[in-house]
Amino acid sequence: MKNLSYYFLRAKLRFFSQRIKSFRDLFCIYRILMYLCTTKGINIMKIKTFLIIGFATLAMLSCHRGPKPPVSQQNLPISMSKPAKGDKAIYGLACMGCTDSVVIMLPNQGGDPVKYNILEANRNRQVFGNIEVGDWICIIPAREKNKASMVIDLDKLKATWTYQVMPHLRDVTHLSKRQQQRILANMPDSIVETYMIPREYGFTLKRMGEARSVGMVATNSSVEDDSPVEYPKVPLYTEWHAYNGKLILVKGRYEFNNVVFNEKTTYDTLSFVYMKDDSLALRDSRGNIQSYHRKANARTANAAAQKAAQKAAEKFKEELK
């Protein structure tokens, strides 16, 4: 009478034979069966017979399957990111054939390139940036089909943009601007040269929505406290997004040297006024327009201000001696 091990092995063989789909599966089953042979004392010849049948079955299946049909790449999306809720803009890549009157864009969701008429948008000065092939662009569609009311070259927007800021006198905020100008005019030239140093404020927009502020200058705290002037507070940006043809700058939580900035997240919504070559103009929610100039990078933007701050710190050390 056959023992229980034999029936156990037979049931296992029937179970595994229905689930073999590759040589890797067959190898795993072989390891299990060899373990059963050593622990249950089953005849190894039965295992070899099973393996021969398994290899033959896989060979026949591989012949019948044939080569897999190639996957069509035509309609695959070029980006898996989706626009934010309520964003009606269309995002994609600029293709060959873009002119002053038309833009050909490959949408993020894939498919064929789409031609948009931008003649009226150009007349209304609503085309921002010099569009080149391969640039990531944003289109605000008009009511008419395949017509754009606004086009923004987002790749041209990714750069370091700054504007010049001058310090103002301390403890004279109660005075009018004319009175402050009189005080500055009567200041000795040495004080003006030492303290009235312009700085560059702004932001650097990077890939994946990352933003960094420009304007921080390392200074000696003692020198800063004794200075007769002070600079406006630098807005610390952490993210940027395009939304319905507007630029959203995010002031998110930021920690540096155990100091927390922007404990509460706020958003600056800016409208495009002008963007071409090295110039950018944005309008804030209050209607104020700020002009920016493109810089090579954030490090060199305040090189002169950093040098002046170091000079003031050295002068302060000499006075303490």
C-alpha atoms as a PDB file:
ATOM      1  CA  MET A   1       0.000   0.000   0.000  1.00  0.00           C
ATOM      2  CA  LYS A   2       1.423   3.360  -0.969  1.00  0.00           C
ATOM      3  CA  ASN A   3       2.285   5.657   1.892  1.00  0.00           C
ATOM      4  CA  LEU A   4       0.921   9.118   2.465  1.00  0.00           C
ATOM      5  CA  SER A   5       4.117  10.769   1.138  1.00  0.00           C
ATOM      6  CA  TYR A   6       3.428   9.370  -2.305  1.00  0.00           C
ATOM      7  CA  TYR A   7      -0.086  10.834  -2.445  1.00  0.00           C
ATOM      8  CA  PHE A   8       1.207  14.106  -1.021  1.00  0.00           C
ATOM      9  CA  LEU A   9       3.817  14.339  -3.786  1.00  0.00           C
ATOM     10  CA  ARG A  10       1.281  13.458  -6.446  1.00  0.00           C
ATOM     11  CA  ALA A  11      -1.062  16.193  -5.284  1.00  0.00           C
ATOM     12  CA  LYS A  12       1.808  18.701  -5.231  1.00  0.00           C
ATOM     13  CA  LEU A  13       2.852  17.780  -8.769  1.00  0.00           C
ATOM     14  CA  ARG A  14      -0.695  18.300 -10.035  1.00  0.00           C
ATOM     15  CA  PHE A  15      -0.905  21.667  -8.212  1.00  0.00           C
ATOM     16  CA  PHE A  16       2.426  22.991  -9.535  1.00  0.00           C
ATOM     17  CA  SER A  17       1.925  21.738 -13.099  1.00  0.00           C
ATOM     18  CA  GLN A  18      -1.059  24.061 -13.450  1.00  0.00           C
ATOM     19  CA  ARG A  19       0.967  27.094 -12.370  1.00  0.00           C
ATOM     20  CA  ILE A  20       4.247  26.748 -14.272  1.00  0.00           C
ATOM     21  CA  LYS A  21       4.678  29.744 -16.574  1.00  0.00           C
ATOM     22  CA  SER A  22       8.471  30.128 -16.803  1.00  0.00           C
ATOM     23  CA  PHE A  23      11.735  28.304 -16.187  1.00  0.00           C
ATOM     24  CA  ARG A  24      12.136  30.287 -12.993  1.00  0.00           C
ATOM     25  CA  ASP A  25       8.895  28.774 -11.676  1.00  0.00           C
ATOM     26  CA  LEU A  26      10.156  25.326 -12.647  1.00  0.00           C
ATOM     27  CA  PHE A  27      13.417  25.882 -10.779  1.00  0.00           C
ATOM     28  CA  CYS A  28      11.559  26.964  -7.635  1.00  0.00           C
ATOM     29  CA  ILE A  29       9.375  23.856  -7.821  1.00  0.00           C
ATOM     30  CA  TYR A  30      12.501  21.723  -8.271  1.00  0.00           C
ATOM     31  CA  ARG A  31      13.948  23.118  -5.039  1.00  0.00           C
ATOM     32  CA  ILE A  32      10.712  22.332  -3.179  1.00  0.00           C
ATOM     33  CA  LEU A  33      10.545  18.790  -4.526  1.00  0.00           C
ATOM     34  CA  MET A  34      14.177  18.078  -3.655  1.00  0.00           C
ATOM     35  CA  TYR A  35      13.391  19.175  -0.125  1.00  0.00           C
ATOM     36  CA  LEU A  36      10.472  16.723  -0.041  1.00  0.00           C
ATOM     37  CA  CYS A  37      12.723  13.920  -1.299  1.00  0.00           C
ATOM     38  CA  THR A  38      15.243  14.458   1.466  1.00  0.00           C
ATOM     39  CA  THR A  39      12.657  14.806   4.235  1.00  0.00           C
ATOM     40  CA  LYS A  40       9.977  12.335   3.080  1.00  0.00           C
ATOM     41  CA  GLY A  41      12.178   9.696   1.448  1.00  0.00           C
ATOM     42  CA  ILE A  42      10.450   9.899  -1.937  1.00  0.00           C
ATOM     43  CA  ASN A  43      12.069   8.322  -4.999  1.00  0.00           C
ATOM     44  CA  ILE A  44      14.106  10.932  -6.884  1.00  0.00           C
ATOM     45  CA  MET A  45      13.369   9.295 -10.253  1.00  0.00           C
ATOM     46  CA  LYS A  46       9.807  10.542 -10.009  1.00  0.00           C
ATOM     47  CA  ILE A  47      11.153  14.050  -9.609  1.00  0.00           C
ATOM     48  CA  LYS A  48      13.318  13.753 -12.721  1.00  0.00           C
ATOM     49  CA  THR A  49      10.342  12.500 -14.722  1.00  0.00           C
ATOM     50  CA  PHE A  50       8.306  15.493 -13.594  1.00  0.00           C
ATOM     51  CA  LEU A  51      11.085  17.930 -14.554  1.00  0.00           C
ATOM     52  CA  ILE A  52      11.451  16.443 -18.044  1.00  0.00           C
ATOM     53  CA  ILE A  53       7.714  16.802 -18.628  1.00  0.00           C
ATOM     54  CA  GLY A  54       7.817  20.369 -17.298  1.00  0.00           C
ATOM     55  CA  PHE A  55      10.655  21.444 -19.626  1.00  0.00           C
ATOM     56  CA  ALA A  56       8.888  19.910 -22.612  1.00  0.00           C
ATOM     57  CA  THR A  57       5.654  21.708 -21.749  1.00  0.00           C
ATOM     58  CA  LEU A  58       7.394  25.085 -21.467  1.00  0.00           C
ATOM     59  CA  ALA A  59       9.157  24.580 -24.791  1.00  0.00           C
ATOM     60  CA  MET A  60       5.879  23.844 -26.561  1.00  0.00           C
ATOM     61  CA  LEU A  61       4.154  26.835 -24.965  1.00  0.00           C
ATOM     62  CA  SER A  62       6.961  29.203 -25.950  1.00  0.00           C
ATOM     63  CA  CYS A  63       6.723  28.057 -29.562  1.00  0.00           C
ATOM     64  CA  HIS A  64       2.965  28.632 -29.715  1.00  0.00           C
ATOM     65  CA  ARG A  65       3.058  32.049 -28.059  1.00  0.00           C
ATOM     66  CA  GLY A  66       5.234  33.669 -30.702  1.00  0.00           C
ATOM     67  CA  PRO A  67       6.744  37.153 -30.452  1.00  0.00           C
ATOM     68  CA  LYS A  68       4.797  39.808 -28.567  1.00  0.00           C
ATOM     69  CA  PRO A  69       3.383  42.586 -30.738  1.00  0.00           C
ATOM     70  CA  PRO A  70       5.280  45.867 -30.301  1.00  0.00           C
ATOM     71  CA  VAL A  71       3.646  48.397 -27.999  1.00  0.00           C
ATOM     72  CA  SER A  72       2.505  51.487 -29.842  1.00  0.00           C
ATOM     73  CA  GLN A  73       4.363  54.585 -28.659  1.00  0.00           C
ATOM     74  CA  GLN A  74       2.237  57.006 -30.632  1.00  0.00           C
ATOM     75  CA  ASN A  75      -0.391  57.829 -28.030  1.00  0.00           C
ATOM     76  CA  LEU A  76       1.651  57.444 -24.857  1.00  0.00           C
ATOM     77  CA  PRO A  77       1.623  60.524 -22.574  1.00  0.00           C
ATOM     78  CA  ILE A  78       4.828  62.572 -22.372  1.00  0.00           C
ATOM     79  CA  SER A  79       4.068  63.494 -18.756  1.00  0.00           C
ATOM     80  CA  MET A  80       2.097  61.676 -16.066  1.00  0.00           C
ATOM     81  CA  SER A  81       1.447  64.879 -14.104  1.00  0.00           C
ATOM     82  CA  LYS A  82      -2.070  66.258 -14.258  1.00  0.00           C
ATOM     83  CA  PRO A  83      -3.154  69.907 -14.085  1.00  0.00           C
ATOM     84  CA  ALA A  84      -4.479  71.178 -10.782  1.00  0.00           C
ATOM     85  CA  LYS A  85      -8.210  71.218 -10.211  1.00  0.00           C
ATOM     86  CA  GLY A  86      -9.759  74.154 -12.033  1.00  0.00           C
ATOM     87  CA  ASP A  87      -6.718  74.738 -14.262  1.00  0.00           C
ATOM     88  CA  LYS A  88      -8.009  75.153 -17.824  1.00  0.00           C
ATOM     89  CA  ALA A  89      -4.571  75.614 -19.364  1.00  0.00           C
ATOM     90  CA  ILE A  90      -3.092  73.052 -21.762  1.00  0.00           C
ATOM     91  CA  TYR A  91       0.505  71.971 -21.193  1.00  0.00           C
ATOM     92  CA  GLY A  92       2.891  70.311 -23.612  1.00  0.00           C
ATOM     93  CA  LEU A  93       6.016  70.593 -25.746  1.00  0.00           C
ATOM     94  CA  ALA A  94       6.527  72.975 -28.652  1.00  0.00           C
ATOM     95  CA  CYS A  95       7.087  71.185 -31.973  1.00  0.00           C
ATOM     96  CA  MET A  96       8.637  72.208 -35.274  1.00  0.00           C
ATOM     97  CA  GLY A  97       6.605  74.699 -37.267  1.00  0.00           C
ATOM     98  CA  CYS A  98       5.991  77.332 -34.568  1.00  0.00           C
ATOM     99  CA  THR A  99       5.775  80.859 -35.979  1.00  0.00           C
ATOM    100  CA  ASP A 100       4.403  84.245 -34.981  1.00  0.00           C
ATOM    101  CA  SER A 101       0.945  83.117 -36.051  1.00  0.00           C
ATOM    102  CA  VAL A 102       0.771  79.430 -35.052  1.00  0.00           C
ATOM    103  CA  VAL A 103       2.081  77.174 -32.310  1.00  0.00           C
ATOM    104  CA  ILE A 104       2.285  73.417 -32.751  1.00  0.00           C
ATOM    105  CA  MET A 105       2.183  71.615 -29.417  1.00  0.00           C
ATOM    106  CA  LEU A 106       2.435  67.972 -28.377  1.00  0.00           C
ATOM    107  CA  PRO A 107       0.087  67.749 -25.367  1.00  0.00           C
ATOM    108  CA  ASN A 108       1.221  66.149 -22.129  1.00  0.00           C
ATOM    109  CA  GLN A 109      -1.490  63.505 -22.374  1.00  0.00           C
ATOM    110  CA  GLY A 110      -0.040  62.271 -25.678  1.00  0.00           C
ATOM    111  CA  GLY A 111      -1.584  61.861 -29.098  1.00  0.00           C
ATOM    112  CA  ASP A 112      -0.880  63.862 -32.227  1.00  0.00           C
ATOM    113  CA  PRO A 113       0.539  67.412 -32.218  1.00  0.00           C
ATOM    114  CA  VAL A 114      -2.102  70.154 -32.229  1.00  0.00           C
ATOM    115  CA  LYS A 115      -1.832  73.412 -34.171  1.00  0.00           C
ATOM    116  CA  TYR A 116      -3.062  76.555 -32.400  1.00  0.00           C
ATOM    117  CA  ASN A 117      -3.667  79.930 -34.001  1.00  0.00           C
ATOM    118  CA  ILE A 118      -1.897  82.593 -31.907  1.00  0.00           C
ATOM    119  CA  LEU A 119      -2.185  85.548 -34.271  1.00  0.00           C
ATOM    120  CA  GLU A 120      -4.683  87.405 -32.087  1.00  0.00           C
ATOM    121  CA  ALA A 121      -2.742  86.509 -28.924  1.00  0.00           C
ATOM    122  CA  ASN A 122       0.357  88.067 -30.478  1.00  0.00           C
ATOM    123  CA  ARG A 123      -1.551  91.218 -31.367  1.00  0.00           C
ATOM    124  CA  ASN A 124      -2.766  91.455 -27.768  1.00  0.00           C
ATOM    125  CA  ARG A 125       0.790  90.882 -26.492  1.00  0.00           C
ATOM    126  CA  GLN A 126      -0.231  87.675 -24.769  1.00  0.00           C
ATOM    127  CA  VAL A 127       2.650  85.530 -26.025  1.00  0.00           C
ATOM    128  CA  PHE A 128       5.339  85.429 -23.343  1.00  0.00           C
ATOM    129  CA  GLY A 129       8.790  84.112 -24.175  1.00  0.00           C
ATOM    130  CA  ASN A 130      10.612  83.199 -27.365  1.00  0.00           C
ATOM    131  CA  ILE A 131       9.220  79.745 -28.138  1.00  0.00           C
ATOM    132  CA  GLU A 132      11.715  77.164 -29.359  1.00  0.00           C
ATOM    133  CA  VAL A 133      11.321  73.529 -30.372  1.00  0.00           C
ATOM    134  CA  GLY A 134      11.189  71.276 -27.320  1.00  0.00           C
ATOM    135  CA  ASP A 135      10.219  74.014 -24.861  1.00  0.00           C
ATOM    136  CA  TRP A 136       7.612  73.269 -22.210  1.00  0.00           C
ATOM    137  CA  ILE A 137       4.777  75.679 -22.953  1.00  0.00           C
ATOM    138  CA  CYS A 138       1.367  76.563 -21.583  1.00  0.00           C
ATOM    139  CA  ILE A 139      -1.626  77.530 -23.721  1.00  0.00           C
ATOM    140  CA  ILE A 140      -4.843  79.174 -22.588  1.00  0.00           C
ATOM    141  CA  PRO A 141      -7.413  78.090 -25.181  1.00  0.00           C
ATOM    142  CA  ALA A 142      -9.811  80.625 -26.682  1.00  0.00           C
ATOM    143  CA  ARG A 143     -13.483  79.973 -27.326  1.00  0.00           C
ATOM    144  CA  GLU A 144     -12.784  79.069 -30.940  1.00  0.00           C
ATOM    145  CA  LYS A 145     -11.363  75.603 -31.530  1.00  0.00           C
ATOM    146  CA  ASN A 146      -7.567  75.357 -31.912  1.00  0.00           C
ATOM    147  CA  LYS A 147      -7.118  79.015 -31.055  1.00  0.00           C
ATOM    148  CA  ALA A 148      -5.063  80.325 -28.128  1.00  0.00           C
ATOM    149  CA  SER A 149      -5.705  83.490 -26.162  1.00  0.00           C
ATOM    150  CA  MET A 150      -2.377  83.241 -24.273  1.00  0.00           C
ATOM    151  CA  VAL A 151       0.896  81.340 -24.673  1.00  0.00           C
ATOM    152  CA  ILE A 152       3.621  81.110 -22.016  1.00  0.00           C
ATOM    153  CA  ASP A 153       7.030  79.539 -22.514  1.00  0.00           C
ATOM    154  CA  LEU A 154       7.525  77.938 -19.097  1.00  0.00           C
ATOM    155  CA  ASP A 155      11.036  76.753 -19.929  1.00  0.00           C
ATOM    156  CA  LYS A 156      12.094  80.368 -20.513  1.00  0.00           C
ATOM    157  CA  LEU A 157      10.523  81.242 -17.174  1.00  0.00           C
ATOM    158  CA  LYS A 158      12.798  78.791 -15.345  1.00  0.00           C
ATOM    159  CA  ALA A 159      15.676  81.125 -14.490  1.00  0.00           C
ATOM    160  CA  THR A 160      16.942  83.565 -11.861  1.00  0.00           C
ATOM    161  CA  TRP A 161      14.949  86.817 -11.947  1.00  0.00           C
ATOM    162  CA  THR A 162      15.872  89.799  -9.774  1.00  0.00           C
ATOM    163  CA  TYR A 163      15.068  93.465  -9.186  1.00  0.00           C
ATOM    164  CA  GLN A 164      17.115  96.105  -7.384  1.00  0.00           C
ATOM    165  CA  VAL A 165      16.349  97.109  -3.796  1.00  0.00           C
ATOM    166  CA  MET A 166      17.810 100.046  -1.866  1.00  0.00           C
ATOM    167  CA  PRO A 167      17.961 100.255   1.945  1.00  0.00           C
ATOM    168  CA  HIS A 168      16.030 102.861   3.890  1.00  0.00           C
ATOM    169  CA  LEU A 169      16.942 104.784   7.034  1.00  0.00           C
ATOM    170  CA  ARG A 170      16.102 103.294  10.397  1.00  0.00           C
ATOM    171  CA  ASP A 171      13.545 104.889  12.700  1.00  0.00           C
ATOM    172  CA  VAL A 172      12.425 107.448  10.151  1.00  0.00           C
ATOM    173  CA  THR A 173       9.301 105.691   8.971  1.00  0.00           C
ATOM    174  CA  HIS A 174       7.235 108.453  10.557  1.00  0.00           C
ATOM    175  CA  LEU A 175       8.867 110.947   8.194  1.00  0.00           C
ATOM    176  CA  SER A 176       7.689 111.585   4.674  1.00  0.00           C
ATOM    177  CA  LYS A 177       9.665 110.319   1.701  1.00  0.00           C
ATOM    178  CA  ARG A 178      10.747 113.871   0.886  1.00  0.00           C
ATOM    179  CA  GLN A 179      12.182 114.334   4.387  1.00  0.00           C
ATOM    180  CA  GLN A 180      14.003 111.020   4.143  1.00  0.00           C
ATOM    181  CA  GLN A 181      15.514 112.089   0.821  1.00  0.00           C
ATOM    182  CA  ARG A 182      16.766 115.309   2.419  1.00  0.00           C
ATOM    183  CA  ILE A 183      18.480 113.332   5.178  1.00  0.00           C
ATOM    184  CA  LEU A 184      20.126 111.085   2.616  1.00  0.00           C
ATOM    185  CA  ALA A 185      21.265 114.087   0.586  1.00  0.00           C
ATOM    186  CA  ASN A 186      22.962 115.596   3.655  1.00  0.00           C
ATOM    187  CA  MET A 187      24.725 112.373   4.601  1.00  0.00           C
ATOM    188  CA  PRO A 188      28.509 112.285   4.262  1.00  0.00           C
ATOM    189  CA  ASP A 189      29.728 110.492   1.161  1.00  0.00           C
ATOM    190  CA  SER A 190      31.621 107.946   3.271  1.00  0.00           C
ATOM    191  CA  ILE A 191      28.416 106.784   4.981  1.00  0.00           C
ATOM    192  CA  VAL A 192      26.556 106.630   1.685  1.00  0.00           C
ATOM    193  CA  GLU A 193      29.307 104.543   0.088  1.00  0.00           C
ATOM    194  CA  THR A 194      29.415 102.194   3.081  1.00  0.00           C
ATOM    195  CA  TYR A 195      25.740 101.589   3.731  1.00  0.00           C
ATOM    196  CA  MET A 196      23.679 102.622   0.708  1.00  0.00           C
ATOM    197  CA  ILE A 197      24.520  99.490  -1.274  1.00  0.00           C
ATOM    198  CA  PRO A 198      21.823  98.155  -3.606  1.00  0.00           C
ATOM    199  CA  ARG A 199      20.825  94.511  -3.368  1.00  0.00           C
ATOM    200  CA  GLU A 200      19.119  92.171  -5.788  1.00  0.00           C
ATOM    201  CA  TYR A 201      15.861  90.570  -4.650  1.00  0.00           C
ATOM    202  CA  GLY A 202      13.897  88.002  -6.577  1.00  0.00           C
ATOM    203  CA  PHE A 203      13.635  84.266  -7.105  1.00  0.00           C
ATOM    204  CA  THR A 204      15.059  81.299  -8.960  1.00  0.00           C
ATOM    205  CA  LEU A 205      12.548  78.982 -10.610  1.00  0.00           C
ATOM    206  CA  LYS A 206      13.744  75.417 -11.151  1.00  0.00           C
ATOM    207  CA  ARG A 207      12.410  72.122 -12.432  1.00  0.00           C
ATOM    208  CA  MET A 208       9.689  70.164 -10.641  1.00  0.00           C
ATOM    209  CA  GLY A 209       8.161  73.358  -9.229  1.00  0.00           C
ATOM    210  CA  GLU A 210      11.103  74.198  -6.953  1.00  0.00           C
ATOM    211  CA  ALA A 211      11.686  77.866  -6.115  1.00  0.00           C
ATOM    212  CA  ARG A 212      14.449  79.644  -4.203  1.00  0.00           C
ATOM    213  CA  SER A 213      14.557  83.243  -3.059  1.00  0.00           C
ATOM    214  CA  VAL A 214      17.299  85.675  -4.007  1.00  0.00           C
ATOM    215  CA  GLY A 215      18.376  88.505  -1.707  1.00  0.00           C
ATOM    216  CA  MET A 216      19.852  86.936   1.410  1.00  0.00           C
ATOM    217  CA  VAL A 217      23.277  88.393   2.234  1.00  0.00           C
ATOM    218  CA  ALA A 218      25.406  86.997   5.049  1.00  0.00           C
ATOM    219  CA  THR A 219      26.149  89.862   7.451  1.00  0.00           C
ATOM    220  CA  ASN A 220      27.491  90.330  10.949  1.00  0.00           C
ATOM    221  CA  SER A 221      24.566  90.764  13.352  1.00  0.00           C
ATOM    222  CA  SER A 222      26.419  93.478  15.296  1.00  0.00           C
ATOM    223  CA  VAL A 223      27.139  95.412  12.121  1.00  0.00           C
ATOM    224  CA  GLU A 224      23.530  95.016  11.044  1.00  0.00           C
ATOM    225  CA  ASP A 225      22.248  96.357  14.370  1.00  0.00           C
ATOM    226  CA  ASP A 226      24.566  99.382  14.294  1.00  0.00           C
ATOM    227  CA  SER A 227      23.819 100.208  10.675  1.00  0.00           C
ATOM    228  CA  PRO A 228      21.823 103.422  10.112  1.00  0.00           C
ATOM    229  CA  VAL A 229      19.934 101.722   7.293  1.00  0.00           C
ATOM    230  CA  GLU A 230      17.957  98.517   6.893  1.00  0.00           C
ATOM    231  CA  TYR A 231      16.752  96.487   3.936  1.00  0.00           C
ATOM    232  CA  PRO A 232      13.226  95.263   3.230  1.00  0.00           C
ATOM    233  CA  LYS A 233      12.409  91.741   4.276  1.00  0.00           C
ATOM    234  CA  VAL A 234      13.292  89.092   1.700  1.00  0.00           C
ATOM    235  CA  PRO A 235      10.264  87.005   0.661  1.00  0.00           C
ATOM    236  CA  LEU A 236      11.231  83.343   1.018  1.00  0.00           C
ATOM    237  CA  TYR A 237       9.722  81.242  -1.751  1.00  0.00           C
ATOM    238  CA  THR A 238       9.792  77.442  -1.780  1.00  0.00           C
ATOM    239  CA  GLU A 239       7.580  76.434  -4.730  1.00  0.00           C
ATOM    240  CA  TRP A 240       6.174  77.769  -7.965  1.00  0.00           C
ATOM    241  CA  HIS A 241       3.282  76.662 -10.172  1.00  0.00           C
ATOM    242  CA  ALA A 242       1.582  77.752 -13.372  1.00  0.00           C
ATOM    243  CA  TYR A 243      -2.189  77.999 -12.989  1.00  0.00           C
ATOM    244  CA  ASN A 244      -4.612  79.338 -15.606  1.00  0.00           C
ATOM    245  CA  GLY A 245      -1.894  81.438 -17.195  1.00  0.00           C
ATOM    246  CA  LYS A 246      -0.688  82.920 -13.902  1.00  0.00           C
ATOM    247  CA  LEU A 247       2.438  82.384 -11.832  1.00  0.00           C
ATOM    248  CA  ILE A 248       1.835  81.127  -8.290  1.00  0.00           C
ATOM    249  CA  LEU A 249       4.763  81.649  -5.896  1.00  0.00           C
ATOM    250  CA  VAL A 250       4.454  79.690  -2.659  1.00  0.00           C
ATOM    251  CA  LYS A 251       5.941  80.839   0.639  1.00  0.00           C
ATOM    252  CA  GLY A 252       6.099  77.479   2.381  1.00  0.00           C
ATOM    253  CA  ARG A 253       7.636  76.444   5.677  1.00  0.00           C
ATOM    254  CA  TYR A 254      11.412  76.827   5.546  1.00  0.00           C
ATOM    255  CA  GLU A 255      14.011  76.068   8.216  1.00  0.00           C
ATOM    256  CA  PHE A 256      17.598  77.320   8.233  1.00  0.00           C
ATOM    257  CA  ASN A 257      20.072  77.141  11.135  1.00  0.00           C
ATOM    258  CA  ASN A 258      17.270  76.068  13.479  1.00  0.00           C
ATOM    259  CA  VAL A 259      15.261  79.150  12.514  1.00  0.00           C
ATOM    260  CA  VAL A 260      11.810  78.577  11.017  1.00  0.00           C
ATOM    261  CA  PHE A 261      10.575  80.899   8.277  1.00  0.00           C
ATOM    262  CA  ASN A 262       7.043  81.043   6.869  1.00  0.00           C
ATOM    263  CA  GLU A 263       5.288  79.173   9.640  1.00  0.00           C
ATOM    264  CA  LYS A 264       2.072  79.690   7.697  1.00  0.00           C
ATOM    265  CA  THR A 265       2.015  78.888   3.974  1.00  0.00           C
ATOM    266  CA  THR A 266       0.943  81.801   1.768  1.00  0.00           C
ATOM    267  CA  TYR A 267       0.575  82.241  -1.979  1.00  0.00           C
ATOM    268  CA  ASP A 268       1.478  85.136  -4.274  1.00  0.00           C
ATOM    269  CA  THR A 269      -0.572  85.156  -7.482  1.00  0.00           C
ATOM    270  CA  LEU A 270       1.171  87.067 -10.266  1.00  0.00           C
ATOM    271  CA  SER A 271      -0.060  87.894 -13.769  1.00  0.00           C
ATOM    272  CA  PHE A 272       2.254  88.091 -16.764  1.00  0.00           C
ATOM    273  CA  VAL A 273       2.756  91.532 -18.238  1.00  0.00           C
ATOM    274  CA  TYR A 274       5.896  90.995 -20.307  1.00  0.00           C
ATOM    275  CA  MET A 275       8.514  88.283 -20.836  1.00  0.00           C
ATOM    276  CA  LYS A 276      11.103  88.300 -23.563  1.00  0.00           C
ATOM    277  CA  ASP A 277      14.832  87.604 -23.600  1.00  0.00           C
ATOM    278  CA  ASP A 278      16.261  88.871 -20.274  1.00  0.00           C
ATOM    279  CA  SER A 279      13.250  90.916 -19.163  1.00  0.00           C
ATOM    280  CA  LEU A 280      10.198  89.941 -17.138  1.00  0.00           C
ATOM    281  CA  ALA A 281       7.324  91.994 -15.729  1.00  0.00           C
ATOM    282  CA  LEU A 282       4.690  90.645 -13.333  1.00  0.00           C
ATOM    283  CA  ARG A 283       1.569  92.224 -11.834  1.00  0.00           C
ATOM    284  CA  ASP A 284       0.539  91.308  -8.287  1.00  0.00           C
ATOM    285  CA  SER A 285      -2.993  91.036  -6.911  1.00  0.00           C
ATOM    286  CA  ARG A 286      -2.940  94.729  -5.891  1.00  0.00           C
ATOM    287  CA  GLY A 287      -2.150  95.855  -9.423  1.00  0.00           C
ATOM    288  CA  ASN A 288       1.501  96.731  -8.789  1.00  0.00           C
ATOM    289  CA  ILE A 289       3.897  95.839 -11.613  1.00  0.00           C
ATOM    290  CA  GLN A 290       7.407  94.656 -10.801  1.00  0.00           C
ATOM    291  CA  SER A 291      10.102  94.416 -13.460  1.00  0.00           C
ATOM    292  CA  TYR A 292      12.791  91.726 -13.288  1.00  0.00           C
ATOM    293  CA  HIS A 293      16.062  91.096 -15.043  1.00  0.00           C
ATOM    294  CA  ARG A 294      17.496  87.673 -15.789  1.00  0.00           C
ATOM    295  CA  LYS A 295      20.688  86.814 -13.888  1.00  0.00           C
ATOM    296  CA  ALA A 296      23.200  84.066 -14.550  1.00  0.00           C
ATOM    297  CA  ASN A 297      22.581  82.545 -11.113  1.00  0.00           C
ATOM    298  CA  ALA A 298      21.572  83.475  -7.579  1.00  0.00           C
ATOM    299  CA  ARG A 299      25.132  83.324  -6.243  1.00  0.00           C
ATOM    300  CA  THR A 300      26.474  86.147  -8.393  1.00  0.00           C
ATOM    301  CA  ALA A 301      23.332  88.304  -8.135  1.00  0.00           C
ATOM    302  CA  ASN A 302      24.420  89.843  -4.811  1.00  0.00           C
ATOM    303  CA  ALA A 303      28.181  89.560  -5.201  1.00  0.00           C
ATOM    304  CA  ALA A 304      28.658  93.335  -4.813  1.00  0.00           C
ATOM    305  CA  ALA A 305      26.353  93.491  -1.779  1.00  0.00           C
ATOM    306  CA  GLN A 306      28.132  90.553  -0.164  1.00  0.00           C
ATOM    307  CA  LYS A 307      31.488  92.219  -0.734  1.00  0.00           C
ATOM    308  CA  ALA A 308      30.216  95.464   0.834  1.00  0.00           C
ATOM    309  CA  ALA A 309      28.857  93.550   3.846  1.00  0.00           C
ATOM    310  CA  GLN A 310      32.236  91.901   4.404  1.00  0.00           C
ATOM    311  CA  LYS A 311      33.954  95.280   4.137  1.00  0.00           C
ATOM    312  CA  ALA A 312      31.592  96.760   6.747  1.00  0.00           C
ATOM    313  CA  ALA A 313      32.230  93.803   9.057  1.00  0.00           C
ATOM    314  CA  GLU A 314      36.000  94.273   8.790  1.00  0.00           C
ATOM    315  CA  LYS A 315      35.634  97.976   9.526  1.00  0.00           C
ATOM    316  CA  PHE A 316      33.516  97.168  12.576  1.00  0.00           C
ATOM    317  CA  LYS A 317      36.197  94.794  13.900  1.00  0.00           C
ATOM    318  CA  GLU A 318      38.867  97.472  13.516  1.00  0.00           C
ATOM    319  CA  GLU A 319      36.776  99.953  15.496  1.00  0.00           C
ATOM    320  CA  LEU A 320      36.481  97.458  18.360  1.00  0.00           C
ATOM    321  CA  LYS A 321      40.260  97.105  18.696  1.00  0.00           C
END
